[in-house]
């Protein structure tokens, strides 16, 4: 089942919508997986935020 992910960088939360009523809220200590779309994919939220907030 595909899902939609909304990322809110300032609150460090990711909302994963499986449907309008099935929503998971992920925080820095959680992991995001690829589900049925990309089996085996997993990324920690902390690593995602580190990648986008590193100074240039």
Protein backbone atom coordinates (compact mmCIF):
# COMPACT_ATOMS: atom_id res chain seq x y z
CA UNK A 1 0.00 0.00 0.00
CA UNK A 2 1.42 3.38 -0.97
CA UNK A 3 1.44 6.23 1.49
CA UNK A 4 1.94 9.96 1.54
CA UNK A 5 4.59 11.55 3.71
CA UNK A 6 4.52 15.15 4.88
CA UNK A 7 7.73 16.48 6.39
CA UNK A 8 7.74 19.42 8.79
CA UNK A 9 11.41 20.36 9.35
CA UNK A 10 10.85 22.96 12.08
CA UNK A 11 8.95 20.55 14.33
CA UNK A 12 11.13 17.57 13.30
CA UNK A 13 8.06 15.46 12.59
CA UNK A 14 7.00 13.40 9.60
CA UNK A 15 3.35 12.48 9.09
CA UNK A 16 2.81 9.22 7.20
CA UNK A 17 -0.72 8.89 5.80
CA UNK A 18 -1.88 5.41 4.80
CA UNK A 19 -5.42 6.83 4.46
CA UNK A 20 -7.31 9.88 5.73
CA UNK A 21 -7.79 8.22 9.11
CA UNK A 22 -4.63 6.08 9.36
CA UNK A 23 -1.80 8.48 10.21
CA UNK A 24 1.52 7.82 11.94
CA UNK A 25 3.63 10.66 13.33
CA UNK A 26 7.36 9.98 13.24
CA UNK A 27 9.94 11.89 15.28
CA UNK A 28 13.75 11.96 15.27
CA UNK A 29 14.05 8.68 17.19
CA UNK A 30 11.87 6.77 14.68
CA UNK A 31 12.64 5.18 11.32
CA UNK A 32 10.93 5.65 7.98
CA UNK A 33 10.58 2.54 5.81
CA UNK A 34 9.70 1.99 2.17
CA UNK A 35 6.64 -0.15 2.89
CA UNK A 36 5.26 -2.04 -0.11
CA UNK A 37 6.64 0.51 -2.57
CA UNK A 38 10.32 -0.02 -1.71
CA UNK A 39 10.67 -3.12 0.51
CA UNK A 40 13.83 -3.19 2.61
CA UNK A 41 14.37 0.58 2.55
CA UNK A 42 14.77 2.13 5.99
CA UNK A 43 16.07 5.53 7.07
CA UNK A 44 16.28 6.94 10.56
CA UNK A 45 14.60 10.32 10.87
CA UNK A 46 17.67 11.65 12.70
CA UNK A 47 19.85 10.81 9.70
CA UNK A 48 17.42 12.53 7.34
CA UNK A 49 17.49 15.74 9.38
CA UNK A 50 21.28 15.62 9.73
CA UNK A 51 21.58 15.47 5.94
CA UNK A 52 19.40 18.52 5.34
CA UNK A 53 20.62 20.70 8.21
CA UNK A 54 24.40 20.37 7.81
CA UNK A 55 26.16 23.72 7.45
CA UNK A 56 27.62 24.39 4.00
